[in-house]
C-alpha atoms as a PDB file:
ATOM      1  CA  MET A   1       4.400 201.688  99.826  1.00  0.00           C
ATOM      2  CA  LYS A   2       3.055 204.407 102.103  1.00  0.00           C
ATOM      3  CA  THR A   3       5.319 206.983 103.610  1.00  0.00           C
ATOM      4  CA  SER A   4       4.369 206.236 107.152  1.00  0.00           C
ATOM      5  CA  SER A   5       5.334 202.475 106.624  1.00  0.00           C
ATOM      6  CA  LEU A   6       8.770 203.644 105.120  1.00  0.00           C
ATOM      7  CA  PHE A   7       9.295 205.892 108.031  1.00  0.00           C
ATOM      8  CA  LYS A   8       8.604 203.028 110.591  1.00  0.00           C
ATOM      9  CA  GLY A   9      11.004 200.692 108.784  1.00  0.00           C
ATOM     10  CA  ILE A  10      13.919 203.265 108.744  1.00  0.00           C
ATOM     11  CA  VAL A  11      13.247 203.983 112.390  1.00  0.00           C
ATOM     12  CA  LEU A  12      13.250 200.322 113.384  1.00  0.00           C
ATOM     13  CA  LEU A  13      16.555 199.582 111.558  1.00  0.00           C
ATOM     14  CA  VAL A  14      18.270 202.589 113.066  1.00  0.00           C
ATOM     15  CA  SER A  15      16.939 201.845 116.479  1.00  0.00           C
ATOM     16  CA  VAL A  16      18.074 198.173 116.356  1.00  0.00           C
ATOM     17  CA  TRP A  17      21.705 199.358 115.178  1.00  0.00           C
ATOM     18  CA  PHE A  18      22.213 202.240 117.604  1.00  0.00           C
ATOM     19  CA  TYR A  19      20.137 200.904 120.690  1.00  0.00           C
ATOM     20  CA  PRO A  20      22.800 200.300 123.519  1.00  0.00           C
ATOM     21  CA  LEU A  21      23.848 196.692 123.435  1.00  0.00           C
ATOM     22  CA  PRO A  22      24.082 194.449 126.578  1.00  0.00           C
ATOM     23  CA  ALA A  23      27.553 194.860 128.307  1.00  0.00           C
ATOM     24  CA  GLN A  24      28.701 191.405 127.311  1.00  0.00           C
ATOM     25  CA  PHE A  25      28.485 192.383 123.618  1.00  0.00           C
ATOM     26  CA  VAL A  26      30.208 195.677 123.874  1.00  0.00           C
ATOM     27  CA  SER A  27      33.801 195.885 125.221  1.00  0.00           C
ATOM     28  CA  ASP A  28      36.883 198.044 125.087  1.00  0.00           C
ATOM     29  CA  VAL A  29      38.962 195.026 124.378  1.00  0.00           C
ATOM     30  CA  SER A  30      39.786 194.544 120.614  1.00  0.00           C
ATOM     31  CA  ASN A  31      39.843 190.826 120.692  1.00  0.00           C
ATOM     32  CA  VAL A  32      42.134 190.751 117.712  1.00  0.00           C
ATOM     33  CA  GLY A  33      43.474 187.264 116.828  1.00  0.00           C
ATOM     34  CA  THR A  34      40.874 185.413 118.823  1.00  0.00           C
ATOM     35  CA  THR A  35      38.992 183.900 115.813  1.00  0.00           C
ATOM     36  CA  ALA A  36      39.700 181.240 113.221  1.00  0.00           C
ATOM     37  CA  ALA A  37      39.718 181.606 109.539  1.00  0.00           C
ATOM     38  CA  PRO A  38      40.405 185.465 109.469  1.00  0.00           C
ATOM     39  CA  PHE A  39      40.854 185.254 105.621  1.00  0.00           C
ATOM     40  CA  LEU A  40      36.976 185.356 105.648  1.00  0.00           C
ATOM     41  CA  GLU A  41      37.322 189.131 106.535  1.00  0.00           C
ATOM     42  CA  ILE A  42      39.364 189.973 103.522  1.00  0.00           C
ATOM     43  CA  GLY A  43      37.200 192.221 101.260  1.00  0.00           C
ATOM     44  CA  VAL A  44      36.261 190.927  97.710  1.00  0.00           C
ATOM     45  CA  GLY A  45      36.020 192.988  94.529  1.00  0.00           C
ATOM     46  CA  ALA A  46      38.134 196.035  93.510  1.00  0.00           C
ATOM     47  CA  ARG A  47      34.968 198.084  93.042  1.00  0.00           C
ATOM     48  CA  ALA A  48      33.774 197.700  96.560  1.00  0.00           C
ATOM     49  CA  ILE A  49      37.322 198.100  98.050  1.00  0.00           C
ATOM     50  CA  GLY A  50      37.700 201.346  95.974  1.00  0.00           C
ATOM     51  CA  MET A  51      34.669 202.601  97.763  1.00  0.00           C
ATOM     52  CA  GLY A  52      36.217 202.010 101.161  1.00  0.00           C
ATOM     53  CA  GLY A  53      34.429 198.721 101.656  1.00  0.00           C
ATOM     54  CA  ALA A  54      31.055 200.708 102.065  1.00  0.00           C
ATOM     55  CA  PHE A  55      29.105 198.354  99.769  1.00  0.00           C
ATOM     56  CA  VAL A  56      26.411 196.657 101.828  1.00  0.00           C
ATOM     57  CA  ALA A  57      23.726 198.955 100.687  1.00  0.00           C
ATOM     58  CA  THR A  58      24.711 198.915  97.122  1.00  0.00           C
ATOM     59  CA  ALA A  59      25.660 195.304  96.325  1.00  0.00           C
ATOM     60  CA  ASN A  60      24.456 195.305  92.808  1.00  0.00           C
ATOM     61  CA  ASP A  61      26.988 193.001  91.122  1.00  0.00           C
ATOM     62  CA  ALA A  62      28.387 189.587  91.646  1.00  0.00           C
ATOM     63  CA  SER A  63      30.567 190.807  94.593  1.00  0.00           C
ATOM     64  CA  ALA A  64      27.370 190.958  96.541  1.00  0.00           C
ATOM     65  CA  LEU A  65      27.979 187.220  97.154  1.00  0.00           C
ATOM     66  CA  TYR A  66      30.446 188.531  99.820  1.00  0.00           C
ATOM     67  CA  TRP A  67      29.167 192.022 100.923  1.00  0.00           C
ATOM     68  CA  ASN A  68      25.443 191.361 101.021  1.00  0.00           C
ATOM     69  CA  VAL A  69      23.961 188.315  99.550  1.00  0.00           C
ATOM     70  CA  ALA A  70      20.449 189.947  99.382  1.00  0.00           C
ATOM     71  CA  GLY A  71      21.939 192.124  96.537  1.00  0.00           C
ATOM     72  CA  ILE A  72      22.241 189.217  94.064  1.00  0.00           C
ATOM     73  CA  ALA A  73      18.377 189.290  93.724  1.00  0.00           C
ATOM     74  CA  GLN A  74      18.831 192.609  91.874  1.00  0.00           C
ATOM     75  CA  LEU A  75      20.915 191.058  89.077  1.00  0.00           C
ATOM     76  CA  LYS A  76      18.993 190.638  85.739  1.00  0.00           C
ATOM     77  CA  ARG A  77      21.651 188.749  83.794  1.00  0.00           C
ATOM     78  CA  PRO A  78      24.269 186.033  84.627  1.00  0.00           C
ATOM     79  CA  GLU A  79      27.525 187.436  86.039  1.00  0.00           C
ATOM     80  CA  VAL A  80      30.949 185.985  86.907  1.00  0.00           C
ATOM     81  CA  LEU A  81      33.513 187.661  89.006  1.00  0.00           C
ATOM     82  CA  PHE A  82      37.189 186.998  89.297  1.00  0.00           C
ATOM     83  CA  VAL A  83      39.424 188.706  91.816  1.00  0.00           C
ATOM     84  CA  ARG A  84      43.150 188.672  92.229  1.00  0.00           C
ATOM     85  CA  THR A  85      44.761 190.295  95.292  1.00  0.00           C
ATOM     86  CA  ASN A  86      48.408 190.526  96.228  1.00  0.00           C
ATOM     87  CA  TRP A  87      47.896 190.372  99.794  1.00  0.00           C
ATOM     88  CA  LEU A  88      50.328 191.251 102.645  1.00  0.00           C
ATOM     89  CA  ALA A  89      53.588 189.212 103.130  1.00  0.00           C
ATOM     90  CA  ASP A  90      53.483 187.697  99.614  1.00  0.00           C
ATOM     91  CA  ILE A  91      50.258 185.929 100.374  1.00  0.00           C
ATOM     92  CA  ARG A  92      48.104 185.364  97.441  1.00  0.00           C
ATOM     93  CA  PHE A  93      44.352 185.893  97.837  1.00  0.00           C
ATOM     94  CA  ASP A  94      41.827 184.757  94.956  1.00  0.00           C
ATOM     95  CA  TYR A  95      38.107 184.840  94.678  1.00  0.00           C
ATOM     96  CA  ALA A  96      35.713 183.494  91.968  1.00  0.00           C
ATOM     97  CA  GLY A  97      31.992 183.909  92.155  1.00  0.00           C
ATOM     98  CA  ALA A  98      28.995 183.429  89.754  1.00  0.00           C
ATOM     99  CA  VAL A  99      25.372 184.476  89.920  1.00  0.00           C
ATOM    100  CA  LEU A 100      22.523 182.997  87.803  1.00  0.00           C
ATOM    101  CA  PRO A 101      19.236 184.892  87.900  1.00  0.00           C
ATOM    102  CA  LEU A 102      16.141 182.693  87.859  1.00  0.00           C
ATOM    103  CA  GLY A 103      13.590 185.337  86.948  1.00  0.00           C
ATOM    104  CA  GLY A 104      10.728 185.612  89.462  1.00  0.00           C
ATOM    105  CA  TYR A 105      12.284 182.727  91.489  1.00  0.00           C
ATOM    106  CA  GLY A 106      15.216 184.863  92.561  1.00  0.00           C
ATOM    107  CA  SER A 107      18.879 184.281  92.060  1.00  0.00           C
ATOM    108  CA  LEU A 108      21.361 181.448  92.699  1.00  0.00           C
ATOM    109  CA  GLY A 109      25.108 182.021  93.407  1.00  0.00           C
ATOM    110  CA  ALA A 110      28.233 180.238  94.123  1.00  0.00           C
ATOM    111  CA  SER A 111      31.782 181.224  95.123  1.00  0.00           C
ATOM    112  CA  LEU A 112      35.207 179.910  95.919  1.00  0.00           C
ATOM    113  CA  THR A 113      37.599 181.763  98.073  1.00  0.00           C
ATOM    114  CA  SER A 114      41.301 180.844  98.322  1.00  0.00           C
ATOM    115  CA  LEU A 115      44.243 182.119 100.340  1.00  0.00           C
ATOM    116  CA  SER A 116      47.686 180.516  99.728  1.00  0.00           C
ATOM    117  CA  MET A 117      51.475 181.200 100.263  1.00  0.00           C
ATOM    118  CA  GLY A 118      54.643 179.763  99.101  1.00  0.00           C
ATOM    119  CA  GLU A 119      56.547 176.932 100.760  1.00  0.00           C
ATOM    120  CA  MET A 120      58.743 177.644 103.900  1.00  0.00           C
ATOM    121  CA  MET A 121      61.385 175.677 105.593  1.00  0.00           C
ATOM    122  CA  VAL A 122      60.671 173.631 108.688  1.00  0.00           C
ATOM    123  CA  ARG A 123      62.828 175.005 111.500  1.00  0.00           C
ATOM    124  CA  THR A 124      63.164 173.559 115.024  1.00  0.00           C
ATOM    125  CA  VAL A 125      65.033 174.695 118.039  1.00  0.00           C
ATOM    126  CA  GLU A 126      67.619 171.901 117.523  1.00  0.00           C
ATOM    127  CA  GLU A 127      67.954 172.585 113.830  1.00  0.00           C
ATOM    128  CA  PRO A 128      67.251 176.491 113.306  1.00  0.00           C
ATOM    129  CA  GLU A 129      68.730 176.344 109.822  1.00  0.00           C
ATOM    130  CA  GLY A 130      66.206 173.853 108.613  1.00  0.00           C
ATOM    131  CA  THR A 131      65.296 170.106 108.926  1.00  0.00           C
ATOM    132  CA  GLY A 132      65.244 169.720 105.152  1.00  0.00           C
ATOM    133  CA  GLU A 133      61.505 169.548 105.076  1.00  0.00           C
ATOM    134  CA  ARG A 134      59.176 172.184 103.794  1.00  0.00           C
ATOM    135  CA  PHE A 135      55.686 173.149 104.588  1.00  0.00           C
ATOM    136  CA  SER A 136      52.953 175.469 103.380  1.00  0.00           C
ATOM    137  CA  ALA A 137      49.623 176.883 104.514  1.00  0.00           C
ATOM    138  CA  SER A 138      46.322 177.558 102.710  1.00  0.00           C
ATOM    139  CA  ASP A 139      42.639 178.449 103.299  1.00  0.00           C
ATOM    140  CA  MET A 140      39.637 177.872 101.332  1.00  0.00           C
ATOM    141  CA  ALA A 141      35.827 178.519 101.394  1.00  0.00           C
ATOM    142  CA  LEU A 142      33.133 177.112  99.172  1.00  0.00           C
ATOM    143  CA  ALA A 143      29.853 178.729  99.314  1.00  0.00           C
ATOM    144  CA  VAL A 144      26.300 178.578  97.757  1.00  0.00           C
ATOM    145  CA  SER A 145      23.815 181.467  97.875  1.00  0.00           C
ATOM    146  CA  TYR A 146      20.205 182.288  97.202  1.00  0.00           C
ATOM    147  CA  GLY A 147      18.672 185.758  97.079  1.00  0.00           C
ATOM    148  CA  PHE A 148      15.070 186.671  96.222  1.00  0.00           C
ATOM    149  CA  HIS A 149      12.584 189.673  96.478  1.00  0.00           C
ATOM    150  CA  LEU A 150      10.081 189.767  99.284  1.00  0.00           C
ATOM    151  CA  THR A 151       8.563 192.846  97.678  1.00  0.00           C
ATOM    152  CA  ASP A 152       9.415 195.162  94.850  1.00  0.00           C
ATOM    153  CA  ARG A 153      11.664 197.086  97.249  1.00  0.00           C
ATOM    154  CA  PHE A 154      12.807 194.473  99.890  1.00  0.00           C
ATOM    155  CA  SER A 155      15.171 191.533  99.094  1.00  0.00           C
ATOM    156  CA  PHE A 156      16.585 188.799 101.299  1.00  0.00           C
ATOM    157  CA  GLY A 157      19.508 186.335 100.707  1.00  0.00           C
ATOM    158  CA  ILE A 158      21.333 183.622 102.535  1.00  0.00           C
ATOM    159  CA  THR A 159      24.669 181.773 101.966  1.00  0.00           C
ATOM    160  CA  ALA A 160      25.865 178.440 103.189  1.00  0.00           C
ATOM    161  CA  LYS A 161      29.563 177.870 103.246  1.00  0.00           C
ATOM    162  CA  TYR A 162      32.160 175.165 103.926  1.00  0.00           C
ATOM    163  CA  ILE A 163      35.441 176.442 105.367  1.00  0.00           C
ATOM    164  CA  TYR A 164      38.830 174.497 105.279  1.00  0.00           C
ATOM    165  CA  GLN A 165      42.310 175.459 106.688  1.00  0.00           C
ATOM    166  CA  ARG A 166      45.491 173.675 106.474  1.00  0.00           C
ATOM    167  CA  ILE A 167      49.006 174.261 107.832  1.00  0.00           C
ATOM    168  CA  TRP A 168      51.429 171.441 106.952  1.00  0.00           C
ATOM    169  CA  LYS A 169      49.787 168.313 108.224  1.00  0.00           C
ATOM    170  CA  GLU A 170      47.110 170.016 110.428  1.00  0.00           C
ATOM    171  CA  THR A 171      43.678 170.816 109.137  1.00  0.00           C
ATOM    172  CA  ALA A 172      40.479 172.335 110.367  1.00  0.00           C
ATOM    173  CA  GLN A 173      36.931 172.457 108.963  1.00  0.00           C
ATOM    174  CA  GLY A 174      33.723 174.393 109.707  1.00  0.00           C
ATOM    175  CA  PHE A 175      30.520 175.501 108.247  1.00  0.00           C
ATOM    176  CA  ALA A 176      28.805 178.967 108.393  1.00  0.00           C
ATOM    177  CA  VAL A 177      25.904 181.045 107.007  1.00  0.00           C
ATOM    178  CA  ASP A 178      25.561 184.608 105.957  1.00  0.00           C
ATOM    179  CA  VAL A 179      22.263 186.352 105.759  1.00  0.00           C
ATOM    180  CA  GLY A 180      21.519 189.810 104.212  1.00  0.00           C
ATOM    181  CA  THR A 181      18.640 192.227 103.624  1.00  0.00           C
ATOM    182  CA  LEU A 182      18.335 195.171 101.281  1.00  0.00           C
ATOM    183  CA  PHE A 183      15.689 197.808 101.229  1.00  0.00           C
ATOM    184  CA  ARG A 184      15.157 200.372  98.462  1.00  0.00           C
ATOM    185  CA  THR A 185      13.333 203.266  99.904  1.00  0.00           C
ATOM    186  CA  GLY A 186      12.409 205.049  96.525  1.00  0.00           C
ATOM    187  CA  LEU A 187      13.750 208.301  97.998  1.00  0.00           C
ATOM    188  CA  LYS A 188      16.104 209.544  95.447  1.00  0.00           C
ATOM    189  CA  GLY A 189      17.776 206.056  95.216  1.00  0.00           C
ATOM    190  CA  LEU A 190      18.259 205.774  99.053  1.00  0.00           C
ATOM    191  CA  ARG A 191      19.056 202.224  99.992  1.00  0.00           C
ATOM    192  CA  ILE A 192      19.390 200.542 103.379  1.00  0.00           C
ATOM    193  CA  GLY A 193      21.307 197.275 103.804  1.00  0.00           C
ATOM    194  CA  ALA A 194      22.299 194.855 106.599  1.00  0.00           C
ATOM    195  CA  ALA A 195      24.314 191.685 106.537  1.00  0.00           C
ATOM    196  CA  LEU A 196      25.467 189.107 109.140  1.00  0.00           C
ATOM    197  CA  SER A 197      28.440 187.088 108.108  1.00  0.00           C
ATOM    198  CA  ASN A 198      30.278 183.902 109.303  1.00  0.00           C
ATOM    199  CA  PHE A 199      27.734 182.691 111.817  1.00  0.00           C
ATOM    200  CA  GLY A 200      28.666 179.063 112.327  1.00  0.00           C
ATOM    201  CA  THR A 201      30.667 176.302 114.069  1.00  0.00           C
ATOM    202  CA  ASP A 202      33.943 176.707 115.965  1.00  0.00           C
ATOM    203  CA  MET A 203      37.110 175.302 114.296  1.00  0.00           C
ATOM    204  CA  GLN A 204      39.757 173.118 115.749  1.00  0.00           C
ATOM    205  CA  MET A 205      43.073 172.145 114.123  1.00  0.00           C
ATOM    206  CA  GLY A 206      43.947 168.354 114.096  1.00  0.00           C
ATOM    207  CA  GLY A 207      46.335 166.103 112.257  1.00  0.00           C
ATOM    208  CA  ASP A 208      49.561 164.112 112.302  1.00  0.00           C
ATOM    209  CA  ASN A 209      51.537 167.174 113.529  1.00  0.00           C
ATOM    210  CA  LEU A 210      49.880 166.700 116.763  1.00  0.00           C
ATOM    211  CA  LEU A 211      50.954 163.191 117.314  1.00  0.00           C
ATOM    212  CA  VAL A 212      53.676 162.916 120.003  1.00  0.00           C
ATOM    213  CA  TYR A 213      55.421 160.299 122.197  1.00  0.00           C
ATOM    214  CA  HIS A 214      54.420 160.395 125.815  1.00  0.00           C
ATOM    215  CA  ASP A 215      55.643 158.661 128.904  1.00  0.00           C
ATOM    216  CA  ILE A 216      52.796 158.261 131.317  1.00  0.00           C
ATOM    217  CA  ASP A 217      54.948 157.835 134.364  1.00  0.00           C
ATOM    218  CA  PRO A 218      58.494 159.195 133.768  1.00  0.00           C
ATOM    219  CA  TYR A 219      59.524 158.317 137.353  1.00  0.00           C
ATOM    220  CA  LYS A 220      58.714 154.585 136.955  1.00  0.00           C
ATOM    221  CA  LEU A 221      61.646 152.390 135.873  1.00  0.00           C
ATOM    222  CA  GLY A 222      60.965 150.122 132.912  1.00  0.00           C
ATOM    223  CA  ASN A 223      57.878 152.178 131.929  1.00  0.00           C
ATOM    224  CA  ASN A 224      57.143 152.472 128.202  1.00  0.00           C
ATOM    225  CA  ASP A 225      58.172 156.006 127.192  1.00  0.00           C
ATOM    226  CA  ARG A 226      57.155 155.908 123.778  1.00  0.00           C
ATOM    227  CA  ILE A 227      53.306 155.629 123.861  1.00  0.00           C
ATOM    228  CA  PHE A 228      51.573 157.580 121.076  1.00  0.00           C
ATOM    229  CA  ALA A 229      49.451 160.599 122.288  1.00  0.00           C
ATOM    230  CA  GLU A 230      47.658 163.406 120.579  1.00  0.00           C
ATOM    231  CA  LEU A 231      47.788 167.003 121.485  1.00  0.00           C
ATOM    232  CA  LYS A 232      44.479 168.714 121.778  1.00  0.00           C
ATOM    233  CA  THR A 233      44.190 172.130 120.405  1.00  0.00           C
ATOM    234  CA  ASP A 234      41.622 174.821 121.317  1.00  0.00           C
ATOM    235  CA  LYS A 235      38.490 175.544 119.447  1.00  0.00           C
ATOM    236  CA  TRP A 236      38.088 179.085 117.978  1.00  0.00           C
ATOM    237  CA  PRO A 237      34.980 180.730 116.760  1.00  0.00           C
ATOM    238  CA  LEU A 238      34.567 182.180 113.169  1.00  0.00           C
ATOM    239  CA  PRO A 239      34.873 185.967 112.634  1.00  0.00           C
ATOM    240  CA  LEU A 240      31.308 186.891 113.021  1.00  0.00           C
ATOM    241  CA  ILE A 241      30.541 190.385 111.922  1.00  0.00           C
ATOM    242  CA  PHE A 242      27.307 192.519 111.532  1.00  0.00           C
ATOM    243  CA  GLN A 243      27.340 195.235 108.983  1.00  0.00           C
ATOM    244  CA  ALA A 244      24.595 197.983 108.445  1.00  0.00           C
ATOM    245  CA  GLY A 245      24.757 200.655 105.757  1.00  0.00           C
ATOM    246  CA  MET A 246      23.150 203.267 103.650  1.00  0.00           C
ATOM    247  CA  ALA A 247      23.747 204.462 100.075  1.00  0.00           C
ATOM    248  CA  ILE A 248      22.272 207.278  97.909  1.00  0.00           C
ATOM    249  CA  GLU A 249      22.723 208.952  94.564  1.00  0.00           C
ATOM    250  CA  PRO A 250      22.594 212.659  95.560  1.00  0.00           C
ATOM    251  CA  TRP A 251      23.413 213.624  91.833  1.00  0.00           C
ATOM    252  CA  GLU A 252      22.400 211.626  88.859  1.00  0.00           C
ATOM    253  CA  THR A 253      21.849 212.732  85.229  1.00  0.00           C
ATOM    254  CA  GLU A 254      21.570 210.980  82.066  1.00  0.00           C
ATOM    255  CA  LYS A 255      25.278 210.863  81.609  1.00  0.00           C
ATOM    256  CA  GLN A 256      26.690 211.026  85.150  1.00  0.00           C
ATOM    257  CA  ARG A 257      26.125 209.665  88.588  1.00  0.00           C
ATOM    258  CA  LEU A 258      27.556 210.134  92.064  1.00  0.00           C
ATOM    259  CA  THR A 259      27.038 207.413  94.694  1.00  0.00           C
ATOM    260  CA  LEU A 260      27.717 208.109  98.434  1.00  0.00           C
ATOM    261  CA  ALA A 261      27.761 205.259 100.919  1.00  0.00           C
ATOM    262  CA  VAL A 262      28.508 204.460 104.674  1.00  0.00           C
ATOM    263  CA  ASP A 263      28.636 201.341 106.542  1.00  0.00           C
ATOM    264  CA  ALA A 264      28.792 200.656 110.273  1.00  0.00           C
ATOM    265  CA  LEU A 265      30.691 197.421 111.279  1.00  0.00           C
ATOM    266  CA  HIS A 266      30.318 195.438 114.580  1.00  0.00           C
ATOM    267  CA  PRO A 267      32.718 192.365 114.566  1.00  0.00           C
ATOM    268  CA  ILE A 268      33.367 190.039 117.439  1.00  0.00           C
ATOM    269  CA  ASP A 269      37.172 190.169 116.968  1.00  0.00           C
ATOM    270  CA  ASN A 270      37.724 193.937 116.888  1.00  0.00           C
ATOM    271  CA  THR A 271      36.177 197.332 117.882  1.00  0.00           C
ATOM    272  CA  GLU A 272      33.383 198.894 116.087  1.00  0.00           C
ATOM    273  CA  SER A 273      34.235 201.011 112.892  1.00  0.00           C
ATOM    274  CA  ILE A 274      32.836 202.970 110.013  1.00  0.00           C
ATOM    275  CA  ASN A 275      33.609 202.583 106.210  1.00  0.00           C
ATOM    276  CA  VAL A 276      32.738 205.541 103.870  1.00  0.00           C
ATOM    277  CA  GLY A 277      32.925 205.618 100.071  1.00  0.00           C
ATOM    278  CA  MET A 278      31.904 207.232  96.854  1.00  0.00           C
ATOM    279  CA  GLU A 279      31.774 206.371  93.178  1.00  0.00           C
ATOM    280  CA  TYR A 280      31.573 208.730  90.251  1.00  0.00           C
ATOM    281  CA  ALA A 281      30.335 207.135  86.830  1.00  0.00           C
ATOM    282  CA  PHE A 282      30.421 208.791  83.562  1.00  0.00           C
ATOM    283  CA  ARG A 283      27.953 207.149  81.021  1.00  0.00           C
ATOM    284  CA  GLU A 284      28.073 204.099  83.271  1.00  0.00           C
ATOM    285  CA  GLN A 285      31.315 203.207  81.331  1.00  0.00           C
ATOM    286  CA  PHE A 286      34.112 204.968  83.372  1.00  0.00           C
ATOM    287  CA  PHE A 287      34.399 204.976  87.042  1.00  0.00           C
ATOM    288  CA  LEU A 288      36.454 206.779  89.737  1.00  0.00           C
ATOM    289  CA  ARG A 289      36.124 205.719  93.304  1.00  0.00           C
ATOM    290  CA  GLY A 290      37.397 206.782  96.815  1.00  0.00           C
ATOM    291  CA  GLY A 291      36.916 205.985 100.331  1.00  0.00           C
ATOM    292  CA  TYR A 292      38.169 205.404 103.864  1.00  0.00           C
ATOM    293  CA  ARG A 293      38.203 202.134 105.738  1.00  0.00           C
ATOM    294  CA  ASN A 294      38.006 201.515 109.655  1.00  0.00           C
ATOM    295  CA  LEU A 295      37.137 205.004 110.772  1.00  0.00           C
ATOM    296  CA  PHE A 296      37.326 205.000 114.634  1.00  0.00           C
ATOM    297  CA  LEU A 297      38.883 201.386 114.785  1.00  0.00           C
ATOM    298  CA  ARG A 298      41.393 201.037 117.459  1.00  0.00           C
ATOM    299  CA  ASP A 299      44.925 200.496 116.241  1.00  0.00           C
ATOM    300  CA  ALA A 300      43.723 200.561 112.547  1.00  0.00           C
ATOM    301  CA  GLU A 301      46.293 200.096 109.809  1.00  0.00           C
ATOM    302  CA  GLU A 302      43.865 200.460 106.879  1.00  0.00           C
ATOM    303  CA  GLY A 303      42.896 203.966 105.682  1.00  0.00           C
ATOM    304  CA  PHE A 304      42.331 205.521 102.352  1.00  0.00           C
ATOM    305  CA  THR A 305      41.340 203.657  99.271  1.00  0.00           C
ATOM    306  CA  LEU A 306      41.260 204.669  95.569  1.00  0.00           C
ATOM    307  CA  GLY A 307      39.883 202.938  92.589  1.00  0.00           C
ATOM    308  CA  ALA A 308      38.904 203.119  88.900  1.00  0.00           C
ATOM    309  CA  GLY A 309      37.163 200.984  86.426  1.00  0.00           C
ATOM    310  CA  PHE A 310      35.614 200.802  82.902  1.00  0.00           C
ATOM    311  CA  HIS A 311      33.144 198.765  80.965  1.00  0.00           C
ATOM    312  CA  ILE A 312      33.751 197.121  77.586  1.00  0.00           C
ATOM    313  CA  ARG A 313      30.726 195.832  75.568  1.00  0.00           C
ATOM    314  CA  PHE A 314      30.937 192.997  73.002  1.00  0.00           C
ATOM    315  CA  LEU A 315      28.400 191.638  70.623  1.00  0.00           C
ATOM    316  CA  GLY A 316      25.598 193.639  71.972  1.00  0.00           C
ATOM    317  CA  ASN A 317      24.851 192.931  75.647  1.00  0.00           C
ATOM    318  CA  PHE A 318      28.028 190.936  76.470  1.00  0.00           C
ATOM    319  CA  ARG A 319      29.852 193.231  79.023  1.00  0.00           C
ATOM    320  CA  VAL A 320      33.190 193.026  80.740  1.00  0.00           C
ATOM    321  CA  GLN A 321      34.112 195.311  83.585  1.00  0.00           C
ATOM    322  CA  LEU A 322      37.742 195.765  84.594  1.00  0.00           C
ATOM    323  CA  ASP A 323      38.381 197.369  88.185  1.00  0.00           C
ATOM    324  CA  TYR A 324      41.336 198.308  90.118  1.00  0.00           C
ATOM    325  CA  ALA A 325      41.702 199.370  93.801  1.00  0.00           C
ATOM    326  CA  TYR A 326      44.506 200.629  95.870  1.00  0.00           C
ATOM    327  CA  ALA A 327      44.224 200.358  99.750  1.00  0.00           C
ATOM    328  CA  ASP A 328      46.653 201.979 102.184  1.00  0.00           C
ATOM    329  CA  PHE A 329      47.753 199.825 105.052  1.00  0.00           C
ATOM    330  CA  GLY A 330      49.965 202.206 106.920  1.00  0.00           C
ATOM    331  CA  ARG A 331      53.011 200.553 108.261  1.00  0.00           C
ATOM    332  CA  LEU A 332      52.319 197.491 106.196  1.00  0.00           C
ATOM    333  CA  GLN A 333      52.409 199.644 103.096  1.00  0.00           C
ATOM    334  CA  ASN A 334      49.557 198.894 100.630  1.00  0.00           C
ATOM    335  CA  VAL A 335      47.518 196.249  98.947  1.00  0.00           C
ATOM    336  CA  GLN A 336      46.441 196.371  95.267  1.00  0.00           C
ATOM    337  CA  ARG A 337      43.395 194.431  93.909  1.00  0.00           C
ATOM    338  CA  PHE A 338      42.347 193.584  90.341  1.00  0.00           C
ATOM    339  CA  SER A 339      38.904 192.180  89.389  1.00  0.00           C
ATOM    340  CA  ILE A 340      37.004 191.214  86.337  1.00  0.00           C
ATOM    341  CA  ASN A 341      33.260 191.153  86.125  1.00  0.00           C
ATOM    342  CA  VAL A 342      31.679 189.539  83.167  1.00  0.00           C
ATOM    343  CA  ALA A 343      27.847 189.885  82.467  1.00  0.00           C
ATOM    344  CA  PHE A 344      26.211 187.699  79.770  1.00  0.00           C
END
């Protein structure tokens, strides 16, 4: 690739990201709590979180299914990722993903995201101590992905996903797509990535909990006051987010590597922010990570992140990677993540 073409590509990406957006897309209002399925914004993989979530331009393991689906085209061997997160308020967040490289035909991927919580008592105004019934809530997303190389340096990926939410007897369903691109410049490992996530349908809750008795005319004697009616809930959009980032290895030797990364985020349900992170690797077997999430985000609770990991090899090329990440959530204390990545 000629240097002039590379320069034009970088300028185009930077201009698209930093060019002033129309007023309707830029607002001082944070819009927090105005989207459905917010669990889709919970980051996946202890490695990426340890780097402050600045992973869009790296995305070189199975967690690319979440961060930038174009990254799965880089994988040479099948990989499986399992993530366990003790989320806030005793909520459990789990993720499982798998990538299957197809040689010159790209890579296929699939993932399952699950958020769940324990049962709670049903309380009403008349019975504040509980009605004797119990309820629970859960979220789920099923996704299939495909990534491929357009050139030896540029890759593209797309994900289609089905989203399901449930709270007691109410449910909502939706569909969304993610798209991602990844460009390797060849300049000391510099990479540029971009991803658009959760572009899809609105979600609306419905179910038996919305069935009520209604009196069409309460002022008319003899009128039937127990006609079945159904409450209609509002539709809410999915948490659409655009991310663009860069990553580079300013220092790399035969035994050691240092990766620096920065991502810029533009969500529809919050203000813009920046994630920064680093990863130090020794013999590509031991890893130390650090980062900071949501720089410049209004009313942010997240902050510093730390992480570590190591590789274990069995029977030649069979590799298991264990990772841990700690994320500070300010007044909400912290969240700890564990993930296992297996490459065959």
